[in-house]
Each structure stands twice: as C-alpha cells, then as structure tokens.
Amino acid sequence: DAASLQKLAVLTSAARAKWVAESLRLAHSGSPVTPDQVARLTSARTAYDELAEAYEALRRIVERGYVALK
C-alpha cells in the first residue's frame, strides 16, 4: 500500500542522511581515517544502496501496474 511505500522512502532517506553525516563527520575530524571508521562508512553506504535499490524496484513495480496502490 501507499503507506508502506512511503515508509520505505523515509527509511531510505534516513539511511542516506546517516551515510552523508558520517562522511562529513570524518571530513571535519581533521584526523586520518581509521579502518574502523571506513568500515562504518562502508556499512552506512551499503545500507543506503540496498534500501535505494529496493525502493526503486518497488516504485517500478507500481509504475508498471504489477501492483495497484489503494
């Protein structure tokens, strides 16, 4: 339903914001990036990428009429 699509969109947006905020935090730290920090940044990006792909897939399903939103 439309509410589920919106929840996925909001979750995806929050994941993107977390990824970007983490990258900015690292940039402003002034210290060399540690392997642990890179791992956290990679994890945040991976989460965003996966959620964005899922959202786009669901959007295409709806656009193509495979599922009708009520």
C-alpha atoms as a PDB file:
ATOM      1  CA  ASP A   1       0.000   0.000   0.000  1.00  0.00           C
ATOM      2  CA  ALA A   2       0.980   3.644  -0.268  1.00  0.00           C
ATOM      3  CA  ALA A   3       1.870   3.864   3.418  1.00  0.00           C
ATOM      4  CA  SER A   4       4.412   1.052   3.037  1.00  0.00           C
ATOM      5  CA  LEU A   5       5.956   2.732   0.006  1.00  0.00           C
ATOM      6  CA  GLN A   6       6.245   5.974   1.944  1.00  0.00           C
ATOM      7  CA  LYS A   7       7.800   4.207   4.948  1.00  0.00           C
ATOM      8  CA  LEU A   8      10.410   2.661   2.673  1.00  0.00           C
ATOM      9  CA  ALA A   9      11.102   6.058   1.111  1.00  0.00           C
ATOM     10  CA  VAL A  10      11.588   7.651   4.527  1.00  0.00           C
ATOM     11  CA  LEU A  11      13.811   4.792   5.700  1.00  0.00           C
ATOM     12  CA  THR A  12      15.910   5.137   2.544  1.00  0.00           C
ATOM     13  CA  SER A  13      16.220   8.876   3.029  1.00  0.00           C
ATOM     14  CA  ALA A  14      17.284   8.412   6.655  1.00  0.00           C
ATOM     15  CA  ALA A  15      19.929   5.896   5.591  1.00  0.00           C
ATOM     16  CA  ARG A  16      21.289   8.345   3.029  1.00  0.00           C
ATOM     17  CA  ALA A  17      21.395  11.096   5.647  1.00  0.00           C
ATOM     18  CA  LYS A  18      23.272   8.815   8.053  1.00  0.00           C
ATOM     19  CA  TRP A  19      25.836   7.943   5.369  1.00  0.00           C
ATOM     20  CA  VAL A  20      26.393  11.574   4.401  1.00  0.00           C
ATOM     21  CA  ALA A  21      26.544  12.726   8.042  1.00  0.00           C
ATOM     22  CA  GLU A  22      29.156  10.074   8.803  1.00  0.00           C
ATOM     23  CA  SER A  23      31.276  11.152   5.845  1.00  0.00           C
ATOM     24  CA  LEU A  24      31.062  14.799   6.905  1.00  0.00           C
ATOM     25  CA  ARG A  25      31.973  13.886  10.464  1.00  0.00           C
ATOM     26  CA  LEU A  26      35.083  12.136   9.196  1.00  0.00           C
ATOM     27  CA  ALA A  27      35.974  15.062   6.960  1.00  0.00           C
ATOM     28  CA  HIS A  28      35.702  17.534   9.835  1.00  0.00           C
ATOM     29  CA  SER A  29      37.633  15.424  12.329  1.00  0.00           C
ATOM     30  CA  GLY A  30      40.969  16.505  10.928  1.00  0.00           C
ATOM     31  CA  SER A  31      42.438  13.098  11.722  1.00  0.00           C
ATOM     32  CA  PRO A  32      43.438  10.314   9.361  1.00  0.00           C
ATOM     33  CA  VAL A  33      40.593   7.880   8.765  1.00  0.00           C
ATOM     34  CA  THR A  34      40.946   4.584  10.609  1.00  0.00           C
ATOM     35  CA  PRO A  35      39.950   1.187   9.223  1.00  0.00           C
ATOM     36  CA  ASP A  36      37.068   1.060  11.723  1.00  0.00           C
ATOM     37  CA  GLN A  37      35.776   4.412  10.507  1.00  0.00           C
ATOM     38  CA  VAL A  38      35.985   3.263   6.907  1.00  0.00           C
ATOM     39  CA  ALA A  39      34.068   0.113   7.851  1.00  0.00           C
ATOM     40  CA  ARG A  40      31.300   2.184   9.477  1.00  0.00           C
ATOM     41  CA  LEU A  41      31.127   4.457   6.441  1.00  0.00           C
ATOM     42  CA  THR A  42      31.030   1.463   4.113  1.00  0.00           C
ATOM     43  CA  SER A  43      28.273  -0.119   6.183  1.00  0.00           C
ATOM     44  CA  ALA A  44      26.215   3.070   6.060  1.00  0.00           C
ATOM     45  CA  ARG A  45      26.656   3.343   2.277  1.00  0.00           C
ATOM     46  CA  THR A  46      25.797  -0.298   1.743  1.00  0.00           C
ATOM     47  CA  ALA A  47      22.625   0.078   3.797  1.00  0.00           C
ATOM     48  CA  TYR A  48      21.621   3.133   1.776  1.00  0.00           C
ATOM     49  CA  ASP A  49      22.442   1.437  -1.542  1.00  0.00           C
ATOM     50  CA  GLU A  50      20.372  -1.627  -0.690  1.00  0.00           C
ATOM     51  CA  LEU A  51      17.396   0.396   0.517  1.00  0.00           C
ATOM     52  CA  ALA A  52      17.569   2.671  -2.541  1.00  0.00           C
ATOM     53  CA  GLU A  53      17.568  -0.360  -4.856  1.00  0.00           C
ATOM     54  CA  ALA A  54      14.607  -1.868  -3.011  1.00  0.00           C
ATOM     55  CA  TYR A  55      12.694   1.424  -3.182  1.00  0.00           C
ATOM     56  CA  GLU A  56      13.374   1.828  -6.894  1.00  0.00           C
ATOM     57  CA  ALA A  57      12.333  -1.770  -7.553  1.00  0.00           C
ATOM     58  CA  LEU A  58       9.074  -1.262  -5.682  1.00  0.00           C
ATOM     59  CA  ARG A  59       8.451   2.030  -7.479  1.00  0.00           C
ATOM     60  CA  ARG A  60       8.937   0.324 -10.855  1.00  0.00           C
ATOM     61  CA  ILE A  61       6.569  -2.477  -9.843  1.00  0.00           C
ATOM     62  CA  VAL A  62       3.887   0.094  -9.088  1.00  0.00           C
ATOM     63  CA  GLU A  63       4.596   2.165 -12.220  1.00  0.00           C
ATOM     64  CA  ARG A  64       4.307  -0.908 -14.434  1.00  0.00           C
ATOM     65  CA  GLY A  65       0.991  -1.813 -12.877  1.00  0.00           C
ATOM     66  CA  TYR A  66       2.084  -5.130 -11.396  1.00  0.00           C
ATOM     67  CA  VAL A  67       0.679  -3.949  -8.066  1.00  0.00           C
ATOM     68  CA  ALA A  68      -2.025  -1.344  -7.632  1.00  0.00           C
ATOM     69  CA  LEU A  69      -1.843   1.145  -4.793  1.00  0.00           C
ATOM     70  CA  LYS A  70      -5.082   1.789  -2.966  1.00  0.00           C
END
